[in-house]
């Protein structure tokens, strides 16, 4: 398995332990516009970084801008401490620095001098110190000989805090946003609500308003070191969207809790003269779908005639049920498995014969049955930042075993979730599904694979699949399972990965049963391997089979169709 990243982050105090200068003194006189431009270049380097490319290869060329003494001090420290494989470019540290630069913003348009570049590098290294302080020093706490439980107890609570800032797959979010638009056009409930949102937000062309993000990132990725943003024509179709997402410097407020709320809301910086820079690739990509849902809920909340949706949780619940599960998830499952599985039955179809208690999806291939539960749930910010392992586990079980509280109202509500639903299906409903829906005669034992598909990227982290698999098999002991069913270990992975690998599953290049069996063989090799997320294992497995993060057919079809429309409109 790939090594878990617990490498120390290079920082100012590591290199200059006796210095007492403050970051405010360092950045106070820096030209804001060019400083933000250079730091946004760091972001582009990180976003374009290949999986196998070491951080230092990106960081080293940046040292050519700074003064000789500072460069010597940094290089000398790195060479002196050769045992450590450092992290050099950190997204959270960059956001901390951008937040500070935006807070003390000035209108100075001068080019950066060598002194300015040096001060910016010092400021960045100081922000790395701040980043380290936000996460306990897990580098010292974790070692390769730890048992799985001890590792997860330390690692999970630290990794959760800022995991959602990691870069996301723009193509998957684009697919979500375009399929949501298609869903709204067909759904009687959401059609008028979506139309109301477009009207209130003054959006005349939904496809164009989302395609511009892909167009923007593709153009900026091609930027050179001399200008790492984008300069557009005054009449560009992009301008109104860029302006709408640009930080208003008159209203910007520093992120005291380091949630970066203002940058999440407006992840673009306008430099002037029709030049723009991305402040966070992750936050910009969120605008395609997840961030849009917050905006959608905010609009509906203000509308008195909209009675059924009064908050984001209200909207999220309805979207999760009607769109995420019954439209998007169903479509992707069909795309992945229609050609390779003997039987494929959606939860909606199963509900007709079971009258409740059905799984969200049922697949059978030969003697292998795959039972899916789809969970469009999110870990809240309080849990992610609580730094308390027991509280995190409690919330995970609330989300994936049994809910005791209705989130939107706070009322006590006992409701089976996730692994409990899967166990209920196996114990009480599977015989009926096989007899009435699958319609096969039981002559041999059947392998049953329990699976959860989720949306929140925070569930990708090491330890979560491990915790829930252990809990699943603990609960399984008290169940009366028919003897003909051989229950395999529980796995969970993201809908994002299912979308990314749709073509590989459809073409038979990936066999889900084989991947799951190989995964648990890999887990048995060491204590650390037990904590490997199935999410990460399946992607590594796919790469061994030739997957190279290429565009899927679904993405190309959607993207080409919209691109052609926009070209026709602008010519």
Protein backbone atom coordinates (compact mmCIF):
# COMPACT_ATOMS: atom_id res chain seq x y z
CA UNK A 1 0.00 0.00 0.00
CA UNK A 2 1.04 3.62 -0.42
CA UNK A 3 2.65 5.16 2.63
CA UNK A 4 0.34 7.34 4.72
CA UNK A 5 1.51 10.94 4.42
CA UNK A 6 2.71 12.02 7.84
CA UNK A 7 5.77 13.89 6.62
CA UNK A 8 6.81 17.02 8.54
CA UNK A 9 6.02 20.35 6.92
CA UNK A 10 8.93 22.72 6.41
CA UNK A 11 8.41 25.88 8.46
CA UNK A 12 10.03 29.08 9.69
CA UNK A 13 10.59 27.96 13.28
CA UNK A 14 12.30 24.78 12.13
CA UNK A 15 14.83 26.80 10.12
CA UNK A 16 15.08 29.87 12.40
CA UNK A 17 14.24 28.62 15.91
CA UNK A 18 15.60 31.77 17.64
CA UNK A 19 13.85 34.41 15.51
CA UNK A 20 11.14 36.56 17.09
CA UNK A 21 9.90 38.54 14.07
CA UNK A 22 6.14 38.53 13.40
CA UNK A 23 4.30 37.84 10.18
CA UNK A 24 2.53 41.19 10.41
CA UNK A 25 5.89 42.98 10.25
CA UNK A 26 6.92 40.86 7.26
CA UNK A 27 3.85 41.41 5.06
CA UNK A 28 2.83 44.95 6.04
CA UNK A 29 4.69 46.72 3.18
CA UNK A 30 4.36 44.06 0.49
CA UNK A 31 2.61 45.06 -2.78
CA UNK A 32 -0.68 43.17 -2.41
CA UNK A 33 -1.56 42.55 -6.04
CA UNK A 34 1.74 41.00 -7.07
CA UNK A 35 2.09 39.15 -3.76
CA UNK A 36 -1.27 37.45 -4.24
CA UNK A 37 -0.28 36.67 -7.84
CA UNK A 38 2.88 34.86 -6.69
CA UNK A 39 1.11 32.89 -3.97
CA UNK A 40 -1.56 31.88 -6.48
CA UNK A 41 1.32 30.48 -8.54
CA UNK A 42 2.12 28.18 -5.59
CA UNK A 43 -1.48 26.96 -5.81
CA UNK A 44 -1.18 26.22 -9.52
CA UNK A 45 2.01 24.23 -8.93
CA UNK A 46 0.22 22.18 -6.26
CA UNK A 47 -2.91 21.69 -8.40
CA UNK A 48 -0.90 20.53 -11.43
CA UNK A 49 1.33 18.24 -9.36
CA UNK A 50 1.35 14.62 -10.46
CA UNK A 51 0.88 11.89 -7.86
CA UNK A 52 4.49 10.67 -8.19
CA UNK A 53 6.07 14.14 -8.27
CA UNK A 54 7.82 15.07 -5.00
CA UNK A 55 6.94 18.41 -3.40
CA UNK A 56 10.56 19.54 -3.39
CA UNK A 57 10.70 19.46 -7.20
CA UNK A 58 7.98 22.13 -7.18
CA UNK A 59 9.41 24.13 -4.30
CA UNK A 60 13.05 24.33 -5.38
CA UNK A 61 12.54 26.63 -8.43
CA UNK A 62 10.72 29.14 -6.16
CA UNK A 63 13.97 29.65 -4.25
CA UNK A 64 15.51 31.37 -7.29
CA UNK A 65 13.39 34.45 -6.51
CA UNK A 66 14.65 35.01 -2.95
CA UNK A 67 17.91 36.44 -1.61
CA UNK A 68 21.01 34.26 -1.47
CA UNK A 69 21.24 34.10 2.32
CA UNK A 70 17.64 32.97 2.82
CA UNK A 71 18.06 30.39 0.06
CA UNK A 72 21.23 29.08 1.75
CA UNK A 73 19.49 28.88 5.14
CA UNK A 74 16.57 26.89 3.72
CA UNK A 75 18.73 24.52 1.66
CA UNK A 76 21.19 24.05 4.50
CA UNK A 77 18.42 23.03 6.90
CA UNK A 78 16.91 20.56 4.42
CA UNK A 79 20.30 18.96 3.70
CA UNK A 80 21.17 18.80 7.41
CA UNK A 81 17.96 16.91 8.20
CA UNK A 82 18.05 14.42 5.32
CA UNK A 83 16.17 11.75 7.29
CA UNK A 84 12.90 13.67 6.96
CA UNK A 85 10.97 13.75 3.70
CA UNK A 86 9.39 17.18 4.07
CA UNK A 87 6.17 18.58 2.71
CA UNK A 88 6.87 21.90 1.01
CA UNK A 89 3.68 23.30 -0.52
CA UNK A 90 0.64 23.06 1.73
CA UNK A 91 -2.84 24.20 0.70
CA UNK A 92 -3.92 25.23 4.20
CA UNK A 93 -0.73 27.26 4.83
CA UNK A 94 -1.26 29.00 1.48
CA UNK A 95 -4.85 29.88 2.45
CA UNK A 96 -3.66 31.24 5.80
CA UNK A 97 -1.20 33.50 3.97
CA UNK A 98 -3.76 34.59 1.37
CA UNK A 99 -6.18 35.43 4.19
CA UNK A 100 -3.54 37.66 5.80
CA UNK A 101 -2.63 39.35 2.49
CA UNK A 102 -6.28 40.07 1.76
CA UNK A 103 -6.79 41.43 5.28
CA UNK A 104 -3.96 44.01 4.93
CA UNK A 105 -4.64 44.59 1.23
CA UNK A 106 -3.22 47.72 -0.41
CA UNK A 107 -3.36 49.21 -3.90
CA UNK A 108 0.39 49.05 -4.51
CA UNK A 109 0.90 47.76 -8.06
CA UNK A 110 4.72 47.60 -8.02
CA UNK A 111 6.55 44.53 -9.22
CA UNK A 112 8.03 42.39 -6.46
CA UNK A 113 11.67 43.00 -5.58
CA UNK A 114 14.04 40.31 -4.35
CA UNK A 115 13.37 41.57 -0.83
CA UNK A 116 9.61 41.26 -1.39
CA UNK A 117 9.95 37.69 -2.67
CA UNK A 118 12.12 36.85 0.35
CA UNK A 119 9.61 38.34 2.77
CA UNK A 120 6.78 36.43 1.06
CA UNK A 121 8.74 33.19 1.43
CA UNK A 122 9.33 33.97 5.11
CA UNK A 123 5.63 34.74 5.55
CA UNK A 124 4.70 31.46 3.89
CA UNK A 125 7.06 29.51 6.16
CA UNK A 126 5.47 31.26 9.16
CA UNK A 127 2.04 30.17 7.92
CA UNK A 128 3.41 26.63 7.76
CA UNK A 129 4.13 26.99 11.50
CA UNK A 130 0.52 28.01 12.01
CA UNK A 131 -0.59 25.03 9.94
CA UNK A 132 1.48 22.70 12.10
CA UNK A 133 -0.03 24.17 15.26
CA UNK A 134 -3.54 23.40 13.96
CA UNK A 135 -2.70 19.72 13.80
CA UNK A 136 -0.94 17.99 16.66
CA UNK A 137 2.48 16.77 15.59
CA UNK A 138 1.35 13.40 14.25
CA UNK A 139 4.76 12.94 12.62
CA UNK A 140 6.28 12.31 16.05
CA UNK A 141 3.25 10.44 17.41
CA UNK A 142 2.89 7.93 14.58
CA UNK A 143 5.31 5.12 13.81
CA UNK A 144 5.21 2.13 11.50
CA UNK A 145 4.93 -0.36 14.38
CA UNK A 146 1.67 0.99 15.80
CA UNK A 147 -1.36 -1.27 15.88
CA UNK A 148 -4.33 -0.25 13.73
CA UNK A 149 -6.49 1.05 16.60
CA UNK A 150 -3.73 3.29 17.97
CA UNK A 151 -2.92 4.68 14.53
CA UNK A 152 -6.55 5.50 13.71
CA UNK A 153 -7.11 7.16 17.10
CA UNK A 154 -4.31 9.65 16.39
CA UNK A 155 -4.49 10.04 12.63
CA UNK A 156 -8.22 10.37 11.97
CA UNK A 157 -8.96 13.33 14.25
CA UNK A 158 -5.99 15.27 12.83
CA UNK A 159 -6.58 14.51 9.16
CA UNK A 160 -10.29 15.39 9.29
CA UNK A 161 -9.75 19.06 10.13
CA UNK A 162 -8.82 20.28 6.67
CA UNK A 163 -9.23 17.25 4.43
CA UNK A 164 -11.98 18.96 2.40
CA UNK A 165 -9.45 21.58 1.24
CA UNK A 166 -7.64 18.93 -0.79
CA UNK A 167 -8.14 19.37 -4.53
CA UNK A 168 -11.23 17.79 -6.07
CA UNK A 169 -11.96 16.28 -9.50
CA UNK A 170 -13.51 19.12 -11.49
CA UNK A 171 -14.93 16.71 -14.09
CA UNK A 172 -16.98 14.81 -11.50
CA UNK A 173 -18.41 18.02 -10.03
CA UNK A 174 -19.25 19.24 -13.53
CA UNK A 175 -21.14 16.01 -14.23
CA UNK A 176 -23.06 16.46 -10.96
CA UNK A 177 -24.03 20.05 -11.80
CA UNK A 178 -25.16 19.29 -15.35
CA UNK A 179 -27.12 16.20 -14.32
CA UNK A 180 -28.79 18.22 -11.56
CA UNK A 181 -29.99 20.69 -14.17
CA UNK A 182 -31.38 17.83 -16.27
CA UNK A 183 -33.09 16.41 -13.18
CA UNK A 184 -34.70 19.75 -12.31
CA UNK A 185 -36.12 20.09 -15.81
CA UNK A 186 -37.91 16.73 -15.41
CA UNK A 187 -38.94 16.84 -11.73
CA UNK A 188 -42.24 18.50 -10.87
CA UNK A 189 -41.05 19.52 -7.40
CA UNK A 190 -37.69 20.98 -8.34
CA UNK A 191 -38.50 22.50 -11.71
CA UNK A 192 -40.18 25.66 -10.29
CA UNK A 193 -37.65 25.94 -7.44
CA UNK A 194 -34.70 25.79 -9.83
CA UNK A 195 -36.34 28.33 -12.13
CA UNK A 196 -36.86 30.63 -9.14
CA UNK A 197 -33.18 30.30 -8.18
CA UNK A 198 -31.98 31.17 -11.70
CA UNK A 199 -34.28 34.18 -11.75
CA UNK A 200 -33.17 35.51 -8.35
CA UNK A 201 -29.49 34.98 -9.18
CA UNK A 202 -29.92 36.58 -12.62
CA UNK A 203 -28.51 33.49 -14.37
CA UNK A 204 -29.76 33.23 -17.94
CA UNK A 205 -27.58 30.27 -18.98
CA UNK A 206 -26.90 27.55 -16.38
CA UNK A 207 -24.55 25.51 -18.59
CA UNK A 208 -22.42 28.55 -19.40
CA UNK A 209 -22.30 29.63 -15.73
CA UNK A 210 -20.72 26.28 -14.82
CA UNK A 211 -18.68 25.58 -17.96
CA UNK A 212 -16.75 28.80 -17.38
CA UNK A 213 -15.09 27.20 -14.32
CA UNK A 214 -13.71 24.36 -16.43
CA UNK A 215 -12.66 26.83 -19.14
CA UNK A 216 -11.01 29.09 -16.55
CA UNK A 217 -9.02 26.33 -14.85
CA UNK A 218 -7.90 24.85 -18.17
CA UNK A 219 -6.58 28.24 -19.25
CA UNK A 220 -4.86 29.00 -15.94
CA UNK A 221 -3.23 25.56 -15.83
CA UNK A 222 -1.42 26.58 -19.03
CA UNK A 223 -0.11 29.82 -17.47
CA UNK A 224 3.64 30.35 -17.30
CA UNK A 225 5.65 31.73 -14.38
CA UNK A 226 5.45 35.28 -15.74
CA UNK A 227 1.68 35.49 -15.32
CA UNK A 228 -0.19 32.74 -13.55
CA UNK A 229 -3.71 34.09 -13.77
CA UNK A 230 -5.97 34.82 -16.69
CA UNK A 231 -6.45 38.01 -18.65
CA UNK A 232 -9.72 38.23 -20.57
CA UNK A 233 -11.21 40.54 -23.15
CA UNK A 234 -13.68 43.09 -21.75
CA UNK A 235 -16.44 41.44 -23.79
CA UNK A 236 -15.57 37.85 -22.72
CA UNK A 237 -18.49 35.65 -21.70
CA UNK A 238 -16.47 34.89 -18.55
CA UNK A 239 -16.37 38.40 -17.18
CA UNK A 240 -19.74 38.51 -15.42
CA UNK A 241 -19.09 35.16 -13.75
CA UNK A 242 -15.55 36.09 -12.69
CA UNK A 243 -16.76 39.39 -11.26
CA UNK A 244 -19.56 37.64 -9.35
CA UNK A 245 -17.03 35.26 -7.73
CA UNK A 246 -14.33 37.87 -7.02
CA UNK A 247 -13.52 38.96 -3.49
CA UNK A 248 -14.94 42.37 -2.57
CA UNK A 249 -11.96 43.96 -0.84
CA UNK A 250 -14.22 46.50 0.87
CA UNK A 251 -16.13 43.70 2.60
CA UNK A 252 -13.41 41.10 3.19
CA UNK A 253 -13.11 39.88 6.77
CA UNK A 254 -10.24 37.81 8.12
CA UNK A 255 -11.04 34.20 8.96
CA UNK A 256 -10.55 34.18 12.73
CA UNK A 257 -11.56 30.51 13.01
CA UNK A 258 -9.60 29.62 9.86
CA UNK A 259 -12.66 28.29 8.08
CA UNK A 260 -11.81 30.73 5.24
CA UNK A 261 -15.48 31.62 4.84
CA UNK A 262 -14.94 34.68 2.63
CA UNK A 263 -12.57 32.81 0.30
CA UNK A 264 -14.96 29.85 0.12
CA UNK A 265 -17.68 32.28 -0.90
CA UNK A 266 -15.55 34.27 -3.36
CA UNK A 267 -12.56 32.19 -4.51
CA UNK A 268 -11.40 34.61 -7.25
CA UNK A 269 -9.14 37.67 -6.92
CA UNK A 270 -9.45 40.57 -9.37
CA UNK A 271 -6.04 42.15 -9.90
CA UNK A 272 -7.21 44.89 -12.24
CA UNK A 273 -6.96 45.41 -16.01
CA UNK A 274 -9.20 42.35 -16.60
CA UNK A 275 -6.72 40.06 -14.81
CA UNK A 276 -7.97 37.39 -12.38
CA UNK A 277 -6.39 34.80 -10.07
CA UNK A 278 -7.75 31.70 -8.34
CA UNK A 279 -7.45 31.85 -4.54
CA UNK A 280 -8.45 28.20 -4.03
CA UNK A 281 -8.99 25.55 -6.68
CA UNK A 282 -10.95 23.41 -4.22
CA UNK A 283 -13.35 26.21 -3.26
CA UNK A 284 -13.82 27.19 -6.91
CA UNK A 285 -14.62 23.62 -7.92
CA UNK A 286 -17.12 23.47 -5.05
CA UNK A 287 -19.05 26.21 -6.84
CA UNK A 288 -19.99 23.69 -9.51
CA UNK A 289 -22.26 21.74 -7.18
CA UNK A 290 -21.71 21.60 -3.39
CA UNK A 291 -21.28 25.35 -2.97
CA UNK A 292 -24.20 25.95 -5.31
CA UNK A 293 -26.49 23.98 -2.97
CA UNK A 294 -25.73 26.44 -0.15
CA UNK A 295 -26.60 29.34 -2.49
CA UNK A 296 -29.75 27.53 -3.64
CA UNK A 297 -30.90 27.01 -0.05
CA UNK A 298 -30.17 30.64 0.83
CA UNK A 299 -32.35 31.86 -2.06
CA UNK A 300 -35.26 29.54 -1.22
CA UNK A 301 -35.14 30.46 2.46
CA UNK A 302 -35.92 34.08 1.57
CA UNK A 303 -38.96 33.18 -0.53
CA UNK A 304 -42.15 33.27 1.55
CA UNK A 305 -44.10 31.20 -0.98
CA UNK A 306 -41.61 28.32 -0.66
CA UNK A 307 -42.96 26.51 2.41
CA UNK A 308 -41.31 23.11 2.13
CA UNK A 309 -37.66 24.25 2.27
CA UNK A 310 -36.56 26.58 5.07
CA UNK A 311 -32.91 25.65 5.49
CA UNK A 312 -29.90 23.96 3.90
CA UNK A 313 -30.60 20.64 5.74
CA UNK A 314 -34.15 20.67 4.29
CA UNK A 315 -32.80 21.13 0.77
CA UNK A 316 -29.96 18.65 1.24
CA UNK A 317 -32.36 15.94 2.41
CA UNK A 318 -34.66 16.38 -0.59
CA UNK A 319 -31.79 16.64 -3.06
CA UNK A 320 -30.13 13.59 -1.50
CA UNK A 321 -33.23 11.45 -1.87
CA UNK A 322 -34.65 12.61 -5.20
CA UNK A 323 -31.54 13.60 -7.15
CA UNK A 324 -28.38 12.16 -5.57
CA UNK A 325 -29.79 8.69 -4.99
CA UNK A 326 -32.66 8.12 -7.40
CA UNK A 327 -31.25 10.05 -10.37
CA UNK A 328 -27.48 10.43 -10.22
CA UNK A 329 -26.56 7.24 -8.33
CA UNK A 330 -28.98 5.13 -10.34
CA UNK A 331 -27.61 6.51 -13.63
CA UNK A 332 -23.99 5.81 -12.65
CA UNK A 333 -24.79 2.30 -11.41
CA UNK A 334 -26.49 1.55 -14.71
CA UNK A 335 -23.52 2.93 -16.62
CA UNK A 336 -21.04 0.88 -14.57
CA UNK A 337 -22.78 -2.49 -14.37
CA UNK A 338 -25.46 -2.83 -17.07
CA UNK A 339 -23.10 -4.74 -19.36
CA UNK A 340 -21.30 -6.89 -16.79
CA UNK A 341 -23.83 -8.00 -14.15
CA UNK A 342 -26.50 -10.67 -14.57
CA UNK A 343 -29.10 -8.80 -12.52
CA UNK A 344 -29.34 -5.09 -11.66
CA UNK A 345 -32.31 -3.79 -9.59
CA UNK A 346 -32.74 -0.29 -8.18
CA UNK A 347 -34.21 0.46 -4.77
CA UNK A 348 -37.28 2.00 -6.40
CA UNK A 349 -38.00 -1.26 -8.21
CA UNK A 350 -37.39 -3.34 -5.08
CA UNK A 351 -39.70 -1.15 -3.01
CA UNK A 352 -42.65 -2.26 -5.15
CA UNK A 353 -42.37 -5.85 -3.96
CA UNK A 354 -40.82 -5.35 -0.52
CA UNK A 355 -43.02 -2.45 0.60
CA UNK A 356 -40.15 -1.01 2.64
CA UNK A 357 -36.76 -2.03 4.01
CA UNK A 358 -35.19 -2.46 0.58
CA UNK A 359 -31.50 -1.78 -0.21
CA UNK A 360 -30.73 1.21 -2.42
CA UNK A 361 -29.35 -1.09 -5.13
CA UNK A 362 -29.00 -4.82 -5.79
CA UNK A 363 -26.52 -6.45 -8.17
CA UNK A 364 -25.86 -10.08 -8.86
CA UNK A 365 -23.09 -11.58 -10.92
CA UNK A 366 -23.15 -15.38 -10.83
CA UNK A 367 -23.03 -16.41 -7.16
CA UNK A 368 -22.01 -12.96 -5.97
CA UNK A 369 -24.63 -10.55 -4.62
CA UNK A 370 -23.76 -6.90 -4.01
CA UNK A 371 -26.04 -4.93 -1.68
CA UNK A 372 -25.65 -1.14 -1.80
CA UNK A 373 -26.72 1.59 0.56
CA UNK A 374 -26.25 5.13 -0.74
CA UNK A 375 -25.58 7.81 1.89
CA UNK A 376 -25.60 11.49 0.93
CA UNK A 377 -24.56 12.64 4.41
CA UNK A 378 -21.84 15.02 5.57
CA UNK A 379 -19.69 15.35 8.66
CA UNK A 380 -20.38 18.74 10.22
CA UNK A 381 -17.63 21.29 10.88
CA UNK A 382 -17.95 20.86 14.65
CA UNK A 383 -17.15 17.15 14.39
CA UNK A 384 -14.30 17.66 11.93
CA UNK A 385 -12.56 20.15 14.22
CA UNK A 386 -13.42 18.61 17.60
CA UNK A 387 -10.05 16.85 17.94
CA UNK A 388 -11.82 14.11 19.90
CA UNK A 389 -11.67 10.60 18.46
CA UNK A 390 -14.58 9.29 20.55
CA UNK A 391 -16.84 12.14 19.42
CA UNK A 392 -15.91 11.45 15.79
CA UNK A 393 -16.75 7.74 16.16
CA UNK A 394 -20.03 8.66 17.83
CA UNK A 395 -20.97 10.86 14.87
CA UNK A 396 -19.89 8.20 12.36
CA UNK A 397 -22.18 5.66 14.02
CA UNK A 398 -24.96 8.26 14.07
CA UNK A 399 -24.53 8.64 10.31
CA UNK A 400 -23.88 5.01 9.38
CA UNK A 401 -25.38 2.72 12.04
CA UNK A 402 -28.40 4.19 13.78
CA UNK A 403 -29.62 7.75 13.96
CA UNK A 404 -31.01 8.90 17.29
CA UNK A 405 -31.71 12.50 16.35
CA UNK A 406 -33.34 14.21 13.38
CA UNK A 407 -30.71 16.75 12.30
CA UNK A 408 -33.07 19.39 10.92
CA UNK A 409 -35.35 19.50 14.00
CA UNK A 410 -33.28 18.07 16.86
CA UNK A 411 -36.11 15.67 17.72
CA UNK A 412 -35.35 12.17 19.04
CA UNK A 413 -35.80 9.73 16.18
CA UNK A 414 -34.53 6.16 16.22
CA UNK A 415 -33.75 5.16 12.67
CA UNK A 416 -31.48 2.40 11.27
CA UNK A 417 -28.76 3.69 8.96
CA UNK A 418 -26.10 2.28 6.67
CA UNK A 419 -24.63 -0.89 8.12
CA UNK A 420 -27.78 -1.60 10.15
CA UNK A 421 -29.90 -1.29 7.01
CA UNK A 422 -27.60 -3.69 5.19
CA UNK A 423 -27.85 -6.21 8.02
CA UNK A 424 -31.64 -5.89 8.08
CA UNK A 425 -31.77 -6.57 4.34
CA UNK A 426 -29.54 -9.65 4.62
CA UNK A 427 -31.47 -11.06 7.58
CA UNK A 428 -35.06 -10.20 6.61
CA UNK A 429 -35.35 -9.21 2.95
CA UNK A 430 -32.75 -11.00 0.86
CA UNK A 431 -34.77 -14.23 0.57
CA UNK A 432 -37.70 -12.23 -0.78
CA UNK A 433 -35.54 -10.29 -3.25
CA UNK A 434 -34.06 -13.49 -4.62
CA UNK A 435 -37.44 -15.20 -4.90
CA UNK A 436 -39.59 -12.37 -6.26
CA UNK A 437 -37.25 -9.94 -8.00
CA UNK A 438 -34.09 -11.81 -8.98
CA UNK A 439 -36.08 -15.03 -9.48
CA UNK A 440 -33.26 -17.52 -9.18
CA UNK A 441 -33.40 -20.92 -7.52
CA UNK A 442 -31.09 -21.37 -4.54
CA UNK A 443 -29.00 -24.43 -5.25
CA UNK A 444 -25.64 -23.18 -3.96
CA UNK A 445 -24.35 -20.80 -1.34
CA UNK A 446 -24.24 -17.15 -2.33
CA UNK A 447 -21.54 -14.61 -1.51
CA UNK A 448 -23.01 -11.36 -0.16
CA UNK A 449 -20.97 -8.16 -0.37
CA UNK A 450 -22.31 -5.27 1.81
CA UNK A 451 -21.34 -1.85 0.39
CA UNK A 452 -21.98 1.80 1.21
CA UNK A 453 -21.56 4.51 -1.42
CA UNK A 454 -21.09 8.02 -0.01
CA UNK A 455 -20.58 11.56 -1.31
CA UNK A 456 -18.60 13.42 1.39
CA UNK A 457 -14.85 13.21 0.65
CA UNK A 458 -14.08 13.23 4.40
CA UNK A 459 -15.09 9.56 4.51
CA UNK A 460 -12.08 8.77 2.29
CA UNK A 461 -9.71 9.09 5.24
CA UNK A 462 -7.77 6.17 6.70
CA UNK A 463 -9.64 4.50 9.54
CA UNK A 464 -13.29 5.16 8.68
CA UNK A 465 -13.82 2.00 6.59
CA UNK A 466 -11.87 0.12 9.29
CA UNK A 467 -14.10 1.41 12.11
CA UNK A 468 -17.36 0.66 10.29
CA UNK A 469 -16.24 -2.77 9.06
CA UNK A 470 -15.40 -3.74 12.65
CA UNK A 471 -18.76 -2.47 13.84
CA UNK A 472 -20.60 -4.26 11.02
CA UNK A 473 -19.12 -7.62 11.98
CA UNK A 474 -19.72 -6.98 15.66
CA UNK A 475 -23.42 -6.43 14.92
CA UNK A 476 -23.48 -9.37 12.52
CA UNK A 477 -22.80 -11.79 15.40
CA UNK A 478 -26.24 -11.14 16.91
CA UNK A 479 -28.11 -11.62 13.63
CA UNK A 480 -29.88 -14.76 12.44
CA UNK A 481 -28.48 -14.96 8.93
CA UNK A 482 -29.68 -17.77 6.62
CA UNK A 483 -26.94 -20.37 6.22
CA UNK A 484 -26.83 -20.15 2.44
CA UNK A 485 -25.42 -16.62 2.59
CA UNK A 486 -21.66 -16.17 3.01
CA UNK A 487 -21.32 -12.60 4.31
CA UNK A 488 -18.17 -10.86 3.14
CA UNK A 489 -16.49 -7.95 4.89
CA UNK A 490 -17.99 -4.50 4.57
CA UNK A 491 -16.52 -1.82 2.27
CA UNK A 492 -17.39 1.77 1.47
CA UNK A 493 -16.27 4.08 -1.31
CA UNK A 494 -17.33 7.32 -2.90
CA UNK A 495 -19.73 8.08 -5.71
CA UNK A 496 -16.91 10.25 -7.06
CA UNK A 497 -14.77 7.15 -7.61
CA UNK A 498 -17.68 5.28 -9.17
CA UNK A 499 -18.10 8.17 -11.64
CA UNK A 500 -14.37 8.26 -12.37
CA UNK A 501 -14.23 4.51 -13.05
CA UNK A 502 -17.55 4.20 -14.90
CA UNK A 503 -15.94 3.27 -18.23
CA UNK A 504 -13.56 0.77 -16.64
CA UNK A 505 -16.41 -1.04 -14.89
CA UNK A 506 -18.61 -0.91 -17.99
CA UNK A 507 -15.88 -2.37 -20.21
CA UNK A 508 -15.18 -5.19 -17.75
CA UNK A 509 -11.66 -3.99 -16.90
CA UNK A 510 -12.60 -3.98 -13.21
CA UNK A 511 -14.27 -6.85 -11.33
CA UNK A 512 -15.79 -5.59 -8.07
CA UNK A 513 -15.77 -9.01 -6.40
CA UNK A 514 -12.08 -9.55 -7.19
CA UNK A 515 -11.13 -6.05 -6.01
CA UNK A 516 -12.90 -6.51 -2.67
CA UNK A 517 -11.31 -9.93 -2.07
CA UNK A 518 -7.84 -8.61 -2.99
CA UNK A 519 -8.43 -5.60 -0.75
CA UNK A 520 -8.98 -7.69 2.36
CA UNK A 521 -5.98 -9.84 1.49
CA UNK A 522 -3.95 -6.63 1.38
CA UNK A 523 -5.48 -5.50 4.70
CA UNK A 524 -4.30 -8.71 6.35
CA UNK A 525 -0.64 -8.07 5.52
CA UNK A 526 0.03 -5.59 8.34
CA UNK A 527 -1.58 -3.55 11.11
CA UNK A 528 -1.24 -0.35 9.07
CA UNK A 529 -2.79 -1.98 6.01
CA UNK A 530 -5.94 -2.73 8.01
CA UNK A 531 -6.68 1.01 8.00
CA UNK A 532 -6.35 1.47 4.24
CA UNK A 533 -9.58 2.96 2.85
CA UNK A 534 -11.20 0.81 0.18
CA UNK A 535 -11.65 4.12 -1.66
CA UNK A 536 -7.89 4.50 -2.08
CA UNK A 537 -7.28 0.81 -2.74
CA UNK A 538 -9.74 0.65 -5.62
CA UNK A 539 -8.14 3.68 -7.31
CA UNK A 540 -4.68 2.13 -6.97
CA UNK A 541 -6.05 -1.16 -8.33
CA UNK A 542 -7.58 0.68 -11.30
CA UNK A 543 -4.27 2.40 -12.07
CA UNK A 544 -2.60 -1.02 -12.21
CA UNK A 545 -5.25 -1.94 -14.80
CA UNK A 546 -4.47 1.11 -16.95
CA UNK A 547 -6.61 3.87 -15.45
CA UNK A 548 -4.80 7.18 -15.93
CA UNK A 549 -7.38 9.72 -14.74
CA UNK A 550 -8.58 10.21 -18.29
CA UNK A 551 -11.91 11.81 -19.12
CA UNK A 552 -14.89 9.49 -19.05
CA UNK A 553 -17.29 9.14 -21.97
CA UNK A 554 -20.04 10.72 -19.86
CA UNK A 555 -17.90 13.79 -19.14
CA UNK A 556 -16.80 14.18 -22.76
CA UNK A 557 -20.37 13.93 -24.03
CA UNK A 558 -21.64 16.59 -21.59
CA UNK A 559 -18.61 18.86 -21.99
CA UNK A 560 -18.52 18.73 -25.79
CA UNK A 561 -22.25 19.41 -26.06
CA UNK A 562 -22.05 22.49 -23.85
CA UNK A 563 -18.80 23.74 -25.36
CA UNK A 564 -20.34 23.61 -28.83
CA UNK A 565 -23.38 25.56 -27.63
CA UNK A 566 -21.19 28.28 -26.12
CA UNK A 567 -19.03 28.53 -29.23
CA UNK A 568 -22.16 29.03 -31.36
CA UNK A 569 -23.46 31.70 -28.98
CA UNK A 570 -20.21 33.68 -28.95
CA UNK A 571 -19.48 33.58 -32.70
